Amino acid sequence: PDDGLKKTLTGADIVVIPAGIPRKPGM
């Protein structure tokens, strides 16, 4: 909410992206 992603990224020099669901058994 409230442009959280934009606030996070403003002025960034390096962005690391681990976002997403983890791997599960059989996947």
mmCIF file of all heavy atoms, coordinates in Angstrom:
data_MODEL
# 
_entry.id   MODEL 
# 
loop_
_atom_site.group_PDB 
_atom_site.id 
_atom_site.type_symbol 
_atom_site.label_atom_id 
_atom_site.label_alt_id 
_atom_site.label_comp_id 
_atom_site.label_asym_id 
_atom_site.label_entity_id 
_atom_site.label_seq_id 
_atom_site.pdbx_PDB_ins_code 
_atom_site.Cartn_x 
_atom_site.Cartn_y 
_atom_site.Cartn_z 
_atom_site.occupancy 
_atom_site.B_iso_or_equiv 
_atom_site.pdbx_formal_charge 
_atom_site.auth_seq_id 
_atom_site.auth_comp_id 
_atom_site.auth_asym_id 
_atom_site.auth_atom_id 
_atom_site.pdbx_PDB_model_num 
ATOM 1   N N   . PRO A 1 1  ? 0.807  -1.226  0.000  1.00 0.00 ? 1  PRO A N   1 
ATOM 2   C CA  . PRO A 1 1  ? 0.000  0.000   0.000  1.00 0.00 ? 1  PRO A CA  1 
ATOM 3   C C   . PRO A 1 1  ? 0.843  1.280   0.000  1.00 0.00 ? 1  PRO A C   1 
ATOM 4   O O   . PRO A 1 1  ? 2.006  1.279   0.408  1.00 0.00 ? 1  PRO A O   1 
ATOM 5   C CB  . PRO A 1 1  ? -0.814 -0.119  1.291  1.00 0.00 ? 1  PRO A CB  1 
ATOM 6   C CG  . PRO A 1 1  ? -0.846 -1.578  1.600  1.00 0.00 ? 1  PRO A CG  1 
ATOM 7   C CD  . PRO A 1 1  ? 0.485  -2.102  1.141  1.00 0.00 ? 1  PRO A CD  1 
ATOM 8   N N   . ASP A 1 2  ? 0.214  2.360   -0.464 1.00 0.00 ? 2  ASP A N   1 
ATOM 9   C CA  . ASP A 1 2  ? 0.830  3.694   -0.449 1.00 0.00 ? 2  ASP A CA  1 
ATOM 10  C C   . ASP A 1 2  ? 2.135  3.747   -1.236 1.00 0.00 ? 2  ASP A C   1 
ATOM 11  O O   . ASP A 1 2  ? 3.136  4.303   -0.784 1.00 0.00 ? 2  ASP A O   1 
ATOM 12  C CB  . ASP A 1 2  ? 1.077  4.161   0.996  1.00 0.00 ? 2  ASP A CB  1 
ATOM 13  C CG  . ASP A 1 2  ? -0.204 4.218   1.803  1.00 0.00 ? 2  ASP A CG  1 
ATOM 14  O OD1 . ASP A 1 2  ? -1.230 4.651   1.252  1.00 0.00 ? 2  ASP A OD1 1 
ATOM 15  O OD2 . ASP A 1 2  ? -0.171 3.802   2.975  1.00 0.00 ? 2  ASP A OD2 1 
ATOM 16  N N   . ASP A 1 3  ? 2.143  3.133   -2.427 1.00 0.00 ? 3  ASP A N   1 
ATOM 17  C CA  . ASP A 1 3  ? 3.326  3.162   -3.297 1.00 0.00 ? 3  ASP A CA  1 
ATOM 18  C C   . ASP A 1 3  ? 4.556  2.586   -2.611 1.00 0.00 ? 3  ASP A C   1 
ATOM 19  O O   . ASP A 1 3  ? 5.669  3.090   -2.783 1.00 0.00 ? 3  ASP A O   1 
ATOM 20  C CB  . ASP A 1 3  ? 3.623  4.590   -3.769 1.00 0.00 ? 3  ASP A CB  1 
ATOM 21  C CG  . ASP A 1 3  ? 2.706  5.039   -4.892 1.00 0.00 ? 3  ASP A CG  1 
ATOM 22  O OD1 . ASP A 1 3  ? 2.252  4.167   -5.675 1.00 0.00 ? 3  ASP A OD1 1 
ATOM 23  O OD2 . ASP A 1 3  ? 2.433  6.245   -4.982 1.00 0.00 ? 3  ASP A OD2 1 
ATOM 24  N N   . GLY A 1 4  ? 4.361  1.510   -1.849 1.00 0.00 ? 4  GLY A N   1 
ATOM 25  C CA  . GLY A 1 4  ? 5.473  0.916   -1.109 1.00 0.00 ? 4  GLY A CA  1 
ATOM 26  C C   . GLY A 1 4  ? 6.615  0.474   -1.993 1.00 0.00 ? 4  GLY A C   1 
ATOM 27  O O   . GLY A 1 4  ? 7.792  0.679   -1.655 1.00 0.00 ? 4  GLY A O   1 
ATOM 28  N N   . LEU A 1 5  ? 6.305  -0.113  -3.162 1.00 0.00 ? 5  LEU A N   1 
ATOM 29  C CA  . LEU A 1 5  ? 7.370  -0.575  -4.048 1.00 0.00 ? 5  LEU A CA  1 
ATOM 30  C C   . LEU A 1 5  ? 8.182  0.595   -4.588 1.00 0.00 ? 5  LEU A C   1 
ATOM 31  O O   . LEU A 1 5  ? 9.417  0.548   -4.623 1.00 0.00 ? 5  LEU A O   1 
ATOM 32  C CB  . LEU A 1 5  ? 6.769  -1.389  -5.205 1.00 0.00 ? 5  LEU A CB  1 
ATOM 33  C CG  . LEU A 1 5  ? 7.779  -1.968  -6.202 1.00 0.00 ? 5  LEU A CG  1 
ATOM 34  C CD1 . LEU A 1 5  ? 8.789  -2.872  -5.516 1.00 0.00 ? 5  LEU A CD1 1 
ATOM 35  C CD2 . LEU A 1 5  ? 7.038  -2.727  -7.319 1.00 0.00 ? 5  LEU A CD2 1 
ATOM 36  N N   . LYS A 1 6  ? 7.488  1.649   -4.975 1.00 0.00 ? 6  LYS A N   1 
ATOM 37  C CA  . LYS A 1 6  ? 8.191  2.827   -5.498 1.00 0.00 ? 6  LYS A CA  1 
ATOM 38  C C   . LYS A 1 6  ? 9.071  3.457   -4.420 1.00 0.00 ? 6  LYS A C   1 
ATOM 39  O O   . LYS A 1 6  ? 10.223 3.839   -4.686 1.00 0.00 ? 6  LYS A O   1 
ATOM 40  C CB  . LYS A 1 6  ? 7.183  3.859   -6.010 1.00 0.00 ? 6  LYS A CB  1 
ATOM 41  C CG  . LYS A 1 6  ? 7.823  5.092   -6.630 1.00 0.00 ? 6  LYS A CG  1 
ATOM 42  C CD  . LYS A 1 6  ? 6.776  6.034   -7.205 1.00 0.00 ? 6  LYS A CD  1 
ATOM 43  C CE  . LYS A 1 6  ? 7.446  7.242   -7.852 1.00 0.00 ? 6  LYS A CE  1 
ATOM 44  N NZ  . LYS A 1 6  ? 6.431  8.182   -8.430 1.00 0.00 ? 6  LYS A NZ  1 
ATOM 45  N N   . LYS A 1 7  ? 8.573  3.544   -3.206 1.00 0.00 ? 7  LYS A N   1 
ATOM 46  C CA  . LYS A 1 7  ? 9.367  4.112   -2.101 1.00 0.00 ? 7  LYS A CA  1 
ATOM 47  C C   . LYS A 1 7  ? 10.595 3.250   -1.827 1.00 0.00 ? 7  LYS A C   1 
ATOM 48  O O   . LYS A 1 7  ? 11.684 3.762   -1.553 1.00 0.00 ? 7  LYS A O   1 
ATOM 49  C CB  . LYS A 1 7  ? 8.512  4.222   -0.840 1.00 0.00 ? 7  LYS A CB  1 
ATOM 50  C CG  . LYS A 1 7  ? 7.421  5.271   -0.927 1.00 0.00 ? 7  LYS A CG  1 
ATOM 51  C CD  . LYS A 1 7  ? 6.528  5.235   0.307  1.00 0.00 ? 7  LYS A CD  1 
ATOM 52  C CE  . LYS A 1 7  ? 5.401  6.253   0.203  1.00 0.00 ? 7  LYS A CE  1 
ATOM 53  N NZ  . LYS A 1 7  ? 4.459  6.156   1.356  1.00 0.00 ? 7  LYS A NZ  1 
ATOM 54  N N   . THR A 1 8  ? 10.417 1.950   -1.908 1.00 0.00 ? 8  THR A N   1 
ATOM 55  C CA  . THR A 1 8  ? 11.539 1.043   -1.667 1.00 0.00 ? 8  THR A CA  1 
ATOM 56  C C   . THR A 1 8  ? 12.632 1.226   -2.706 1.00 0.00 ? 8  THR A C   1 
ATOM 57  O O   . THR A 1 8  ? 13.821 1.259   -2.379 1.00 0.00 ? 8  THR A O   1 
ATOM 58  C CB  . THR A 1 8  ? 11.048 -0.425  -1.721 1.00 0.00 ? 8  THR A CB  1 
ATOM 59  O OG1 . THR A 1 8  ? 9.959  -0.610  -0.828 1.00 0.00 ? 8  THR A OG1 1 
ATOM 60  C CG2 . THR A 1 8  ? 12.172 -1.382  -1.337 1.00 0.00 ? 8  THR A CG2 1 
ATOM 61  N N   . LEU A 1 9  ? 12.229 1.374   -3.961 1.00 0.00 ? 9  LEU A N   1 
ATOM 62  C CA  . LEU A 1 9  ? 13.187 1.367   -5.068 1.00 0.00 ? 9  LEU A CA  1 
ATOM 63  C C   . LEU A 1 9  ? 13.812 2.724   -5.363 1.00 0.00 ? 9  LEU A C   1 
ATOM 64  O O   . LEU A 1 9  ? 14.861 2.794   -6.016 1.00 0.00 ? 9  LEU A O   1 
ATOM 65  C CB  . LEU A 1 9  ? 12.494 0.858   -6.334 1.00 0.00 ? 9  LEU A CB  1 
ATOM 66  C CG  . LEU A 1 9  ? 12.109 -0.627  -6.341 1.00 0.00 ? 9  LEU A CG  1 
ATOM 67  C CD1 . LEU A 1 9  ? 11.199 -0.931  -7.516 1.00 0.00 ? 9  LEU A CD1 1 
ATOM 68  C CD2 . LEU A 1 9  ? 13.353 -1.502  -6.382 1.00 0.00 ? 9  LEU A CD2 1 
ATOM 69  N N   . THR A 1 10 ? 13.213 3.798   -4.897 1.00 0.00 ? 10 THR A N   1 
ATOM 70  C CA  . THR A 1 10 ? 13.726 5.134   -5.223 1.00 0.00 ? 10 THR A CA  1 
ATOM 71  C C   . THR A 1 10 ? 15.171 5.289   -4.748 1.00 0.00 ? 10 THR A C   1 
ATOM 72  O O   . THR A 1 10 ? 15.480 5.097   -3.582 1.00 0.00 ? 10 THR A O   1 
ATOM 73  C CB  . THR A 1 10 ? 12.839 6.216   -4.578 1.00 0.00 ? 10 THR A CB  1 
ATOM 74  O OG1 . THR A 1 10 ? 11.513 6.122   -5.115 1.00 0.00 ? 10 THR A OG1 1 
ATOM 75  C CG2 . THR A 1 10 ? 13.394 7.600   -4.861 1.00 0.00 ? 10 THR A CG2 1 
ATOM 76  N N   . GLY A 1 11 ? 16.043 5.620   -5.685 1.00 0.00 ? 11 GLY A N   1 
ATOM 77  C CA  . GLY A 1 11 ? 17.454 5.847   -5.362 1.00 0.00 ? 11 GLY A CA  1 
ATOM 78  C C   . GLY A 1 11 ? 18.287 4.595   -5.223 1.00 0.00 ? 11 GLY A C   1 
ATOM 79  O O   . GLY A 1 11 ? 19.453 4.661   -4.798 1.00 0.00 ? 11 GLY A O   1 
ATOM 80  N N   . ALA A 1 12 ? 17.753 3.437   -5.605 1.00 0.00 ? 12 ALA A N   1 
ATOM 81  C CA  . ALA A 1 12 ? 18.480 2.177   -5.430 1.00 0.00 ? 12 ALA A CA  1 
ATOM 82  C C   . ALA A 1 12 ? 19.681 2.081   -6.362 1.00 0.00 ? 12 ALA A C   1 
ATOM 83  O O   . ALA A 1 12 ? 19.620 2.455   -7.532 1.00 0.00 ? 12 ALA A O   1 
ATOM 84  C CB  . ALA A 1 12 ? 17.549 0.997   -5.666 1.00 0.00 ? 12 ALA A CB  1 
ATOM 85  N N   . ASP A 1 13 ? 20.772 1.555   -5.824 1.00 0.00 ? 13 ASP A N   1 
ATOM 86  C CA  . ASP A 1 13 ? 21.965 1.262   -6.624 1.00 0.00 ? 13 ASP A CA  1 
ATOM 87  C C   . ASP A 1 13 ? 22.022 -0.212  -7.010 1.00 0.00 ? 13 ASP A C   1 
ATOM 88  O O   . ASP A 1 13 ? 22.520 -0.565  -8.079 1.00 0.00 ? 13 ASP A O   1 
ATOM 89  C CB  . ASP A 1 13 ? 23.230 1.621   -5.836 1.00 0.00 ? 13 ASP A CB  1 
ATOM 90  C CG  . ASP A 1 13 ? 23.307 3.089   -5.513 1.00 0.00 ? 13 ASP A CG  1 
ATOM 91  O OD1 . ASP A 1 13 ? 23.436 3.889   -6.458 1.00 0.00 ? 13 ASP A OD1 1 
ATOM 92  O OD2 . ASP A 1 13 ? 23.224 3.450   -4.317 1.00 0.00 ? 13 ASP A OD2 1 
ATOM 93  N N   . ILE A 1 14 ? 21.541 -1.076  -6.123 1.00 0.00 ? 14 ILE A N   1 
ATOM 94  C CA  . ILE A 1 14 ? 21.556 -2.507  -6.369 1.00 0.00 ? 14 ILE A CA  1 
ATOM 95  C C   . ILE A 1 14 ? 20.262 -3.102  -5.823 1.00 0.00 ? 14 ILE A C   1 
ATOM 96  O O   . ILE A 1 14 ? 19.845 -2.777  -4.710 1.00 0.00 ? 14 ILE A O   1 
ATOM 97  C CB  . ILE A 1 14 ? 22.796 -3.168  -5.725 1.00 0.00 ? 14 ILE A CB  1 
ATOM 98  C CG1 . ILE A 1 14 ? 22.775 -4.691  -5.928 1.00 0.00 ? 14 ILE A CG1 1 
ATOM 99  C CG2 . ILE A 1 14 ? 22.935 -2.829  -4.255 1.00 0.00 ? 14 ILE A CG2 1 
ATOM 100 C CD1 . ILE A 1 14 ? 24.066 -5.374  -5.472 1.00 0.00 ? 14 ILE A CD1 1 
ATOM 101 N N   . VAL A 1 15 ? 19.604 -3.925  -6.635 1.00 0.00 ? 15 VAL A N   1 
ATOM 102 C CA  . VAL A 1 15 ? 18.335 -4.540  -6.253 1.00 0.00 ? 15 VAL A CA  1 
ATOM 103 C C   . VAL A 1 15 ? 18.493 -6.055  -6.322 1.00 0.00 ? 15 VAL A C   1 
ATOM 104 O O   . VAL A 1 15 ? 18.850 -6.600  -7.375 1.00 0.00 ? 15 VAL A O   1 
ATOM 105 C CB  . VAL A 1 15 ? 17.187 -4.102  -7.184 1.00 0.00 ? 15 VAL A CB  1 
ATOM 106 C CG1 . VAL A 1 15 ? 15.880 -4.771  -6.763 1.00 0.00 ? 15 VAL A CG1 1 
ATOM 107 C CG2 . VAL A 1 15 ? 17.043 -2.584  -7.183 1.00 0.00 ? 15 VAL A CG2 1 
ATOM 108 N N   . VAL A 1 16 ? 18.221 -6.723  -5.212 1.00 0.00 ? 16 VAL A N   1 
ATOM 109 C CA  . VAL A 1 16 ? 18.300 -8.183  -5.171 1.00 0.00 ? 16 VAL A CA  1 
ATOM 110 C C   . VAL A 1 16 ? 16.885 -8.722  -5.051 1.00 0.00 ? 16 VAL A C   1 
ATOM 111 O O   . VAL A 1 16 ? 16.104 -8.272  -4.211 1.00 0.00 ? 16 VAL A O   1 
ATOM 112 C CB  . VAL A 1 16 ? 19.158 -8.669  -3.984 1.00 0.00 ? 16 VAL A CB  1 
ATOM 113 C CG1 . VAL A 1 16 ? 19.435 -10.163 -4.112 1.00 0.00 ? 16 VAL A CG1 1 
ATOM 114 C CG2 . VAL A 1 16 ? 20.465 -7.888  -3.898 1.00 0.00 ? 16 VAL A CG2 1 
ATOM 115 N N   . ILE A 1 17 ? 16.537 -9.703  -5.897 1.00 0.00 ? 17 ILE A N   1 
ATOM 116 C CA  . ILE A 1 17 ? 15.158 -10.203 -5.956 1.00 0.00 ? 17 ILE A CA  1 
ATOM 117 C C   . ILE A 1 17 ? 15.091 -11.685 -5.575 1.00 0.00 ? 17 ILE A C   1 
ATOM 118 O O   . ILE A 1 17 ? 15.279 -12.557 -6.430 1.00 0.00 ? 17 ILE A O   1 
ATOM 119 C CB  . ILE A 1 17 ? 14.555 -10.027 -7.362 1.00 0.00 ? 17 ILE A CB  1 
ATOM 120 C CG1 . ILE A 1 17 ? 14.780 -8.606  -7.899 1.00 0.00 ? 17 ILE A CG1 1 
ATOM 121 C CG2 . ILE A 1 17 ? 13.061 -10.345 -7.342 1.00 0.00 ? 17 ILE A CG2 1 
ATOM 122 C CD1 . ILE A 1 17 ? 14.253 -8.392  -9.307 1.00 0.00 ? 17 ILE A CD1 1 
ATOM 123 N N   . PRO A 1 18 ? 14.781 -11.985 -4.306 1.00 0.00 ? 18 PRO A N   1 
ATOM 124 C CA  . PRO A 1 18 ? 14.515 -13.366 -3.920 1.00 0.00 ? 18 PRO A CA  1 
ATOM 125 C C   . PRO A 1 18 ? 13.020 -13.668 -3.835 1.00 0.00 ? 18 PRO A C   1 
ATOM 126 O O   . PRO A 1 18 ? 12.630 -14.745 -3.362 1.00 0.00 ? 18 PRO A O   1 
ATOM 127 C CB  . PRO A 1 18 ? 15.163 -13.450 -2.536 1.00 0.00 ? 18 PRO A CB  1 
ATOM 128 C CG  . PRO A 1 18 ? 14.956 -12.086 -1.959 1.00 0.00 ? 18 PRO A CG  1 
ATOM 129 C CD  . PRO A 1 18 ? 14.997 -11.111 -3.130 1.00 0.00 ? 18 PRO A CD  1 
ATOM 130 N N   . ALA A 1 19 ? 12.173 -12.756 -4.259 1.00 0.00 ? 19 ALA A N   1 
ATOM 131 C CA  . ALA A 1 19 ? 10.721 -12.900 -4.093 1.00 0.00 ? 19 ALA A CA  1 
ATOM 132 C C   . ALA A 1 19 ? 10.180 -14.105 -4.841 1.00 0.00 ? 19 ALA A C   1 
ATOM 133 O O   . ALA A 1 19 ? 10.695 -14.500 -5.889 1.00 0.00 ? 19 ALA A O   1 
ATOM 134 C CB  . ALA A 1 19 ? 10.022 -11.634 -4.593 1.00 0.00 ? 19 ALA A CB  1 
ATOM 135 N N   . GLY A 1 20 ? 9.127  -14.691 -4.290 1.00 0.00 ? 20 GLY A N   1 
ATOM 136 C CA  . GLY A 1 20 ? 8.468  -15.816 -4.930 1.00 0.00 ? 20 GLY A CA  1 
ATOM 137 C C   . GLY A 1 20 ? 8.214  -16.931 -3.943 1.00 0.00 ? 20 GLY A C   1 
ATOM 138 O O   . GLY A 1 20 ? 8.665  -16.884 -2.796 1.00 0.00 ? 20 GLY A O   1 
ATOM 139 N N   . ILE A 1 21 ? 7.503  -17.947 -4.397 1.00 0.00 ? 21 ILE A N   1 
ATOM 140 C CA  . ILE A 1 21 ? 7.238  -19.080 -3.513 1.00 0.00 ? 21 ILE A CA  1 
ATOM 141 C C   . ILE A 1 21 ? 8.425  -20.030 -3.538 1.00 0.00 ? 21 ILE A C   1 
ATOM 142 O O   . ILE A 1 21 ? 9.145  -20.113 -4.528 1.00 0.00 ? 21 ILE A O   1 
ATOM 143 C CB  . ILE A 1 21 ? 5.957  -19.834 -3.915 1.00 0.00 ? 21 ILE A CB  1 
ATOM 144 C CG1 . ILE A 1 21 ? 6.125  -20.524 -5.282 1.00 0.00 ? 21 ILE A CG1 1 
ATOM 145 C CG2 . ILE A 1 21 ? 4.760  -18.911 -3.931 1.00 0.00 ? 21 ILE A CG2 1 
ATOM 146 C CD1 . ILE A 1 21 ? 5.084  -21.582 -5.568 1.00 0.00 ? 21 ILE A CD1 1 
ATOM 147 N N   . PRO A 1 22 ? 8.661  -20.760 -2.450 1.00 0.00 ? 22 PRO A N   1 
ATOM 148 C CA  . PRO A 1 22 ? 9.763  -21.727 -2.428 1.00 0.00 ? 22 PRO A CA  1 
ATOM 149 C C   . PRO A 1 22 ? 9.384  -23.011 -3.148 1.00 0.00 ? 22 PRO A C   1 
ATOM 150 O O   . PRO A 1 22 ? 8.203  -23.294 -3.380 1.00 0.00 ? 22 PRO A O   1 
ATOM 151 C CB  . PRO A 1 22 ? 9.958  -21.982 -0.935 1.00 0.00 ? 22 PRO A CB  1 
ATOM 152 C CG  . PRO A 1 22 ? 8.606  -21.789 -0.349 1.00 0.00 ? 22 PRO A CG  1 
ATOM 153 C CD  . PRO A 1 22 ? 7.989  -20.666 -1.152 1.00 0.00 ? 22 PRO A CD  1 
ATOM 154 N N   . ARG A 1 23 ? 10.394 -23.772 -3.492 1.00 0.00 ? 23 ARG A N   1 
ATOM 155 C CA  . ARG A 1 23 ? 10.168 -25.069 -4.121 1.00 0.00 ? 23 ARG A CA  1 
ATOM 156 C C   . ARG A 1 23 ? 9.686  -26.068 -3.082 1.00 0.00 ? 23 ARG A C   1 
ATOM 157 O O   . ARG A 1 23 ? 10.192 -26.109 -1.969 1.00 0.00 ? 23 ARG A O   1 
ATOM 158 C CB  . ARG A 1 23 ? 11.470 -25.551 -4.768 1.00 0.00 ? 23 ARG A CB  1 
ATOM 159 C CG  . ARG A 1 23 ? 11.282 -26.661 -5.772 1.00 0.00 ? 23 ARG A CG  1 
ATOM 160 C CD  . ARG A 1 23 ? 12.415 -26.649 -6.798 1.00 0.00 ? 23 ARG A CD  1 
ATOM 161 N NE  . ARG A 1 23 ? 13.709 -26.742 -6.161 1.00 0.00 ? 23 ARG A NE  1 
ATOM 162 C CZ  . ARG A 1 23 ? 14.485 -27.826 -6.216 1.00 0.00 ? 23 ARG A CZ  1 
ATOM 163 N NH1 . ARG A 1 23 ? 14.060 -28.895 -6.833 1.00 0.00 ? 23 ARG A NH1 1 
ATOM 164 N NH2 . ARG A 1 23 ? 15.667 -27.822 -5.656 1.00 0.00 ? 23 ARG A NH2 1 
ATOM 165 N N   . LYS A 1 24 ? 8.714  -26.902 -3.456 1.00 0.00 ? 24 LYS A N   1 
ATOM 166 C CA  . LYS A 1 24 ? 8.148  -27.896 -2.553 1.00 0.00 ? 24 LYS A CA  1 
ATOM 167 C C   . LYS A 1 24 ? 8.470  -29.303 -3.065 1.00 0.00 ? 24 LYS A C   1 
ATOM 168 O O   . LYS A 1 24 ? 8.898  -29.470 -4.207 1.00 0.00 ? 24 LYS A O   1 
ATOM 169 C CB  . LYS A 1 24 ? 6.632  -27.686 -2.449 1.00 0.00 ? 24 LYS A CB  1 
ATOM 170 C CG  . LYS A 1 24 ? 6.266  -26.322 -1.872 1.00 0.00 ? 24 LYS A CG  1 
ATOM 171 C CD  . LYS A 1 24 ? 4.762  -26.090 -1.856 1.00 0.00 ? 24 LYS A CD  1 
ATOM 172 C CE  . LYS A 1 24 ? 4.430  -24.704 -1.303 1.00 0.00 ? 24 LYS A CE  1 
ATOM 173 N NZ  . LYS A 1 24 ? 2.978  -24.425 -1.328 1.00 0.00 ? 24 LYS A NZ  1 
ATOM 174 N N   . PRO A 1 25 ? 8.276  -30.329 -2.232 1.00 0.00 ? 25 PRO A N   1 
ATOM 175 C CA  . PRO A 1 25 ? 8.593  -31.700 -2.664 1.00 0.00 ? 25 PRO A CA  1 
ATOM 176 C C   . PRO A 1 25 ? 7.908  -32.053 -3.973 1.00 0.00 ? 25 PRO A C   1 
ATOM 177 O O   . PRO A 1 25 ? 6.714  -31.795 -4.163 1.00 0.00 ? 25 PRO A O   1 
ATOM 178 C CB  . PRO A 1 25 ? 8.057  -32.558 -1.508 1.00 0.00 ? 25 PRO A CB  1 
ATOM 179 C CG  . PRO A 1 25 ? 8.126  -31.660 -0.317 1.00 0.00 ? 25 PRO A CG  1 
ATOM 180 C CD  . PRO A 1 25 ? 7.813  -30.291 -0.825 1.00 0.00 ? 25 PRO A CD  1 
ATOM 181 N N   . GLY A 1 26 ? 8.674  -32.631 -4.893 1.00 0.00 ? 26 GLY A N   1 
ATOM 182 C CA  . GLY A 1 26 ? 8.132  -33.018 -6.178 1.00 0.00 ? 26 GLY A CA  1 
ATOM 183 C C   . GLY A 1 26 ? 8.031  -31.899 -7.182 1.00 0.00 ? 26 GLY A C   1 
ATOM 184 O O   . GLY A 1 26 ? 7.663  -32.108 -8.334 1.00 0.00 ? 26 GLY A O   1 
ATOM 185 N N   . MET A 1 27 ? 8.385  -30.695 -6.768 1.00 0.00 ? 27 MET A N   1 
ATOM 186 C CA  . MET A 1 27 ? 8.288  -29.522 -7.641 1.00 0.00 ? 27 MET A CA  1 
ATOM 187 C C   . MET A 1 27 ? 9.664  -29.182 -8.194 1.00 0.00 ? 27 MET A C   1 
ATOM 188 O O   . MET A 1 27 ? 10.625 -29.039 -7.449 1.00 0.00 ? 27 MET A O   1 
ATOM 189 C CB  . MET A 1 27 ? 7.742  -28.329 -6.846 1.00 0.00 ? 27 MET A CB  1 
ATOM 190 C CG  . MET A 1 27 ? 7.609  -27.050 -7.658 1.00 0.00 ? 27 MET A CG  1 
ATOM 191 S SD  . MET A 1 27 ? 7.082  -25.634 -6.643 1.00 0.00 ? 27 MET A SD  1 
ATOM 192 C CE  . MET A 1 27 ? 5.367  -26.047 -6.379 1.00 0.00 ? 27 MET A CE  1 
# 
